[in-house]
Amino acid sequence: MHELPVTQSILNIVLKHAMMNRANKVCSISLSVGGLSDLQDEWIQRYFDYISKGTMAEGAHLVIEHTPVVLCCGGCGKNVSVEVNNMKDFVCPVCGNKEFTIVSGREYFIKDMEVQ
């Protein structure tokens, strides 16, 4: 259910920029979504289809790219990509440390959009 407010924000930003650039129609929107964001592609598209009815973004296709989770090792400072399912028992491949800070993986943003 948390996809709805996120999708509403995406639509608001898209409509604002489309109007600023005098677009007539939004055809597609490319999104970048981090692996830890817990956003589901299917629900983002479903909510978008519903809330965009009657706007210039109605019918726009969302292209969702998933970005990897990147951790910074607390021991050696090396940045390492890791799969979400492997995070629980993950150790740094360089120094064996188990303490990390998250560099990326929680973000979501609009990369670009195609308009007419």
C-alpha atoms as a PDB file:
ATOM      1  CA  MET A   1       0.000   0.000   0.000  1.00  0.00           C
ATOM      2  CA  HIS A   2       2.940   2.355   0.461  1.00  0.00           C
ATOM      3  CA  GLU A   3       3.270   2.487  -3.318  1.00  0.00           C
ATOM      4  CA  LEU A   4       0.255   4.806  -3.573  1.00  0.00           C
ATOM      5  CA  PRO A   5       1.786   7.947  -1.967  1.00  0.00           C
ATOM      6  CA  VAL A   6       5.064   7.317  -3.807  1.00  0.00           C
ATOM      7  CA  THR A   7       3.208   6.961  -7.100  1.00  0.00           C
ATOM      8  CA  GLN A   8       1.199  10.123  -6.391  1.00  0.00           C
ATOM      9  CA  SER A   9       4.465  12.018  -5.858  1.00  0.00           C
ATOM     10  CA  ILE A  10       5.848  10.658  -9.114  1.00  0.00           C
ATOM     11  CA  LEU A  11       2.717  11.727 -10.997  1.00  0.00           C
ATOM     12  CA  ASN A  12       2.795  15.216  -9.445  1.00  0.00           C
ATOM     13  CA  ILE A  13       6.437  15.726 -10.452  1.00  0.00           C
ATOM     14  CA  VAL A  14       5.854  14.377 -13.963  1.00  0.00           C
ATOM     15  CA  LEU A  15       2.815  16.611 -14.545  1.00  0.00           C
ATOM     16  CA  LYS A  16       4.637  19.666 -13.215  1.00  0.00           C
ATOM     17  CA  HIS A  17       7.604  19.149 -15.551  1.00  0.00           C
ATOM     18  CA  ALA A  18       5.408  18.237 -18.516  1.00  0.00           C
ATOM     19  CA  MET A  19       3.435  21.472 -18.097  1.00  0.00           C
ATOM     20  CA  MET A  20       6.600  23.540 -17.641  1.00  0.00           C
ATOM     21  CA  ASN A  21       7.850  22.156 -20.952  1.00  0.00           C
ATOM     22  CA  ARG A  22       4.495  22.591 -22.694  1.00  0.00           C
ATOM     23  CA  ALA A  23       4.028  18.906 -23.410  1.00  0.00           C
ATOM     24  CA  ASN A  24       0.698  17.611 -24.652  1.00  0.00           C
ATOM     25  CA  LYS A  25       1.066  13.998 -23.547  1.00  0.00           C
ATOM     26  CA  VAL A  26       3.357  11.943 -21.322  1.00  0.00           C
ATOM     27  CA  CYS A  27       4.142   8.673 -23.124  1.00  0.00           C
ATOM     28  CA  SER A  28       6.556   6.951 -20.769  1.00  0.00           C
ATOM     29  CA  ILE A  29       8.408   7.535 -17.521  1.00  0.00           C
ATOM     30  CA  SER A  30      11.708   5.908 -16.573  1.00  0.00           C
ATOM     31  CA  LEU A  31      12.169   5.301 -12.866  1.00  0.00           C
ATOM     32  CA  SER A  32      15.167   4.158 -10.868  1.00  0.00           C
ATOM     33  CA  VAL A  33      14.207   2.145  -7.779  1.00  0.00           C
ATOM     34  CA  GLY A  34      16.666   0.890  -5.163  1.00  0.00           C
ATOM     35  CA  GLY A  35      16.648  -2.743  -4.079  1.00  0.00           C
ATOM     36  CA  LEU A  36      15.769  -1.852  -0.475  1.00  0.00           C
ATOM     37  CA  SER A  37      12.875   0.453  -1.361  1.00  0.00           C
ATOM     38  CA  ASP A  38      10.393  -2.452  -1.197  1.00  0.00           C
ATOM     39  CA  LEU A  39       8.329  -0.916  -4.009  1.00  0.00           C
ATOM     40  CA  GLN A  40       6.572  -3.419  -6.255  1.00  0.00           C
ATOM     41  CA  ASP A  41       6.629  -2.681 -10.000  1.00  0.00           C
ATOM     42  CA  GLU A  42       3.156  -4.079 -10.618  1.00  0.00           C
ATOM     43  CA  TRP A  43       1.566  -1.945  -7.905  1.00  0.00           C
ATOM     44  CA  ILE A  44       3.352   1.219  -8.963  1.00  0.00           C
ATOM     45  CA  GLN A  45       1.995   0.768 -12.509  1.00  0.00           C
ATOM     46  CA  ARG A  46      -1.505  -0.126 -11.282  1.00  0.00           C
ATOM     47  CA  TYR A  47      -1.699   2.914  -9.004  1.00  0.00           C
ATOM     48  CA  PHE A  48      -0.238   5.116 -11.714  1.00  0.00           C
ATOM     49  CA  ASP A  49      -2.852   3.925 -14.212  1.00  0.00           C
ATOM     50  CA  TYR A  50      -5.610   4.697 -11.718  1.00  0.00           C
ATOM     51  CA  ILE A  51      -4.497   8.112 -10.452  1.00  0.00           C
ATOM     52  CA  SER A  52      -3.361   9.414 -13.846  1.00  0.00           C
ATOM     53  CA  LYS A  53      -6.833   9.026 -15.438  1.00  0.00           C
ATOM     54  CA  GLY A  54      -7.918  12.297 -16.977  1.00  0.00           C
ATOM     55  CA  THR A  55      -4.410  13.780 -16.957  1.00  0.00           C
ATOM     56  CA  MET A  56      -1.867  14.169 -19.748  1.00  0.00           C
ATOM     57  CA  ALA A  57      -0.046  11.169 -18.232  1.00  0.00           C
ATOM     58  CA  GLU A  58      -2.969   8.798 -18.677  1.00  0.00           C
ATOM     59  CA  GLY A  59      -1.782   5.647 -20.433  1.00  0.00           C
ATOM     60  CA  ALA A  60       1.912   6.359 -19.835  1.00  0.00           C
ATOM     61  CA  HIS A  61       4.089   3.293 -19.456  1.00  0.00           C
ATOM     62  CA  LEU A  62       6.469   3.109 -16.510  1.00  0.00           C
ATOM     63  CA  VAL A  63       9.932   1.713 -17.212  1.00  0.00           C
ATOM     64  CA  ILE A  64      11.377   0.648 -13.879  1.00  0.00           C
ATOM     65  CA  GLU A  65      15.095  -0.001 -13.455  1.00  0.00           C
ATOM     66  CA  HIS A  66      16.214  -1.585 -10.204  1.00  0.00           C
ATOM     67  CA  THR A  67      19.469  -0.301  -8.751  1.00  0.00           C
ATOM     68  CA  PRO A  68      21.640  -2.518  -6.588  1.00  0.00           C
ATOM     69  CA  VAL A  69      22.178  -2.219  -2.875  1.00  0.00           C
ATOM     70  CA  VAL A  70      25.642  -0.808  -2.202  1.00  0.00           C
ATOM     71  CA  LEU A  71      27.206  -1.069   1.236  1.00  0.00           C
ATOM     72  CA  CYS A  72      30.318   0.638   2.593  1.00  0.00           C
ATOM     73  CA  CYS A  73      32.437  -1.596   4.804  1.00  0.00           C
ATOM     74  CA  GLY A  74      33.027  -0.211   8.283  1.00  0.00           C
ATOM     75  CA  GLY A  75      36.414  -1.917   8.400  1.00  0.00           C
ATOM     76  CA  CYS A  76      38.174  -1.099   5.141  1.00  0.00           C
ATOM     77  CA  GLY A  77      35.830   1.499   3.561  1.00  0.00           C
ATOM     78  CA  LYS A  78      35.325  -0.540   0.372  1.00  0.00           C
ATOM     79  CA  ASN A  79      31.954  -0.128  -1.390  1.00  0.00           C
ATOM     80  CA  VAL A  80      30.372  -3.473  -2.248  1.00  0.00           C
ATOM     81  CA  SER A  81      27.203  -4.391  -4.173  1.00  0.00           C
ATOM     82  CA  VAL A  82      25.088  -7.038  -2.498  1.00  0.00           C
ATOM     83  CA  GLU A  83      21.831  -8.841  -3.223  1.00  0.00           C
ATOM     84  CA  VAL A  84      19.060  -8.067  -0.723  1.00  0.00           C
ATOM     85  CA  ASN A  85      18.608 -11.766   0.158  1.00  0.00           C
ATOM     86  CA  ASN A  86      22.338 -12.046   1.023  1.00  0.00           C
ATOM     87  CA  MET A  87      22.547  -9.032   3.326  1.00  0.00           C
ATOM     88  CA  LYS A  88      21.856 -10.899   6.586  1.00  0.00           C
ATOM     89  CA  ASP A  89      25.055 -12.961   6.550  1.00  0.00           C
ATOM     90  CA  PHE A  90      27.143 -10.725   4.290  1.00  0.00           C
ATOM     91  CA  VAL A  91      30.801 -10.171   5.096  1.00  0.00           C
ATOM     92  CA  CYS A  92      33.190  -7.840   3.322  1.00  0.00           C
ATOM     93  CA  PRO A  93      35.023  -9.774   0.602  1.00  0.00           C
ATOM     94  CA  VAL A  94      38.135  -7.637   1.223  1.00  0.00           C
ATOM     95  CA  CYS A  95      38.544  -7.685   5.019  1.00  0.00           C
ATOM     96  CA  GLY A  96      35.838 -10.009   6.400  1.00  0.00           C
ATOM     97  CA  ASN A  97      34.124  -7.249   8.420  1.00  0.00           C
ATOM     98  CA  LYS A  98      30.387  -7.564   9.129  1.00  0.00           C
ATOM     99  CA  GLU A  99      29.575  -3.891   9.817  1.00  0.00           C
ATOM    100  CA  PHE A 100      28.361  -1.741   6.959  1.00  0.00           C
ATOM    101  CA  THR A 101      26.598   1.513   6.191  1.00  0.00           C
ATOM    102  CA  ILE A 102      24.131   1.723   3.315  1.00  0.00           C
ATOM    103  CA  VAL A 103      25.420   3.850   0.427  1.00  0.00           C
ATOM    104  CA  SER A 104      22.513   3.235  -1.936  1.00  0.00           C
ATOM    105  CA  GLY A 105      19.496   1.017  -2.349  1.00  0.00           C
ATOM    106  CA  ARG A 106      16.692   2.927  -0.638  1.00  0.00           C
ATOM    107  CA  GLU A 107      16.266   5.598  -3.295  1.00  0.00           C
ATOM    108  CA  TYR A 108      13.675   6.029  -5.987  1.00  0.00           C
ATOM    109  CA  PHE A 109      13.652   8.796  -8.561  1.00  0.00           C
ATOM    110  CA  ILE A 110      12.473   9.783 -12.019  1.00  0.00           C
ATOM    111  CA  LYS A 111      15.293   9.340 -14.532  1.00  0.00           C
ATOM    112  CA  ASP A 112      13.484  10.795 -17.532  1.00  0.00           C
ATOM    113  CA  MET A 113      10.203  10.887 -19.362  1.00  0.00           C
ATOM    114  CA  GLU A 114       9.083  10.798 -22.968  1.00  0.00           C
ATOM    115  CA  VAL A 115       6.519  13.401 -23.968  1.00  0.00           C
ATOM    116  CA  GLN A 116       4.777  14.624 -27.099  1.00  0.00           C
END
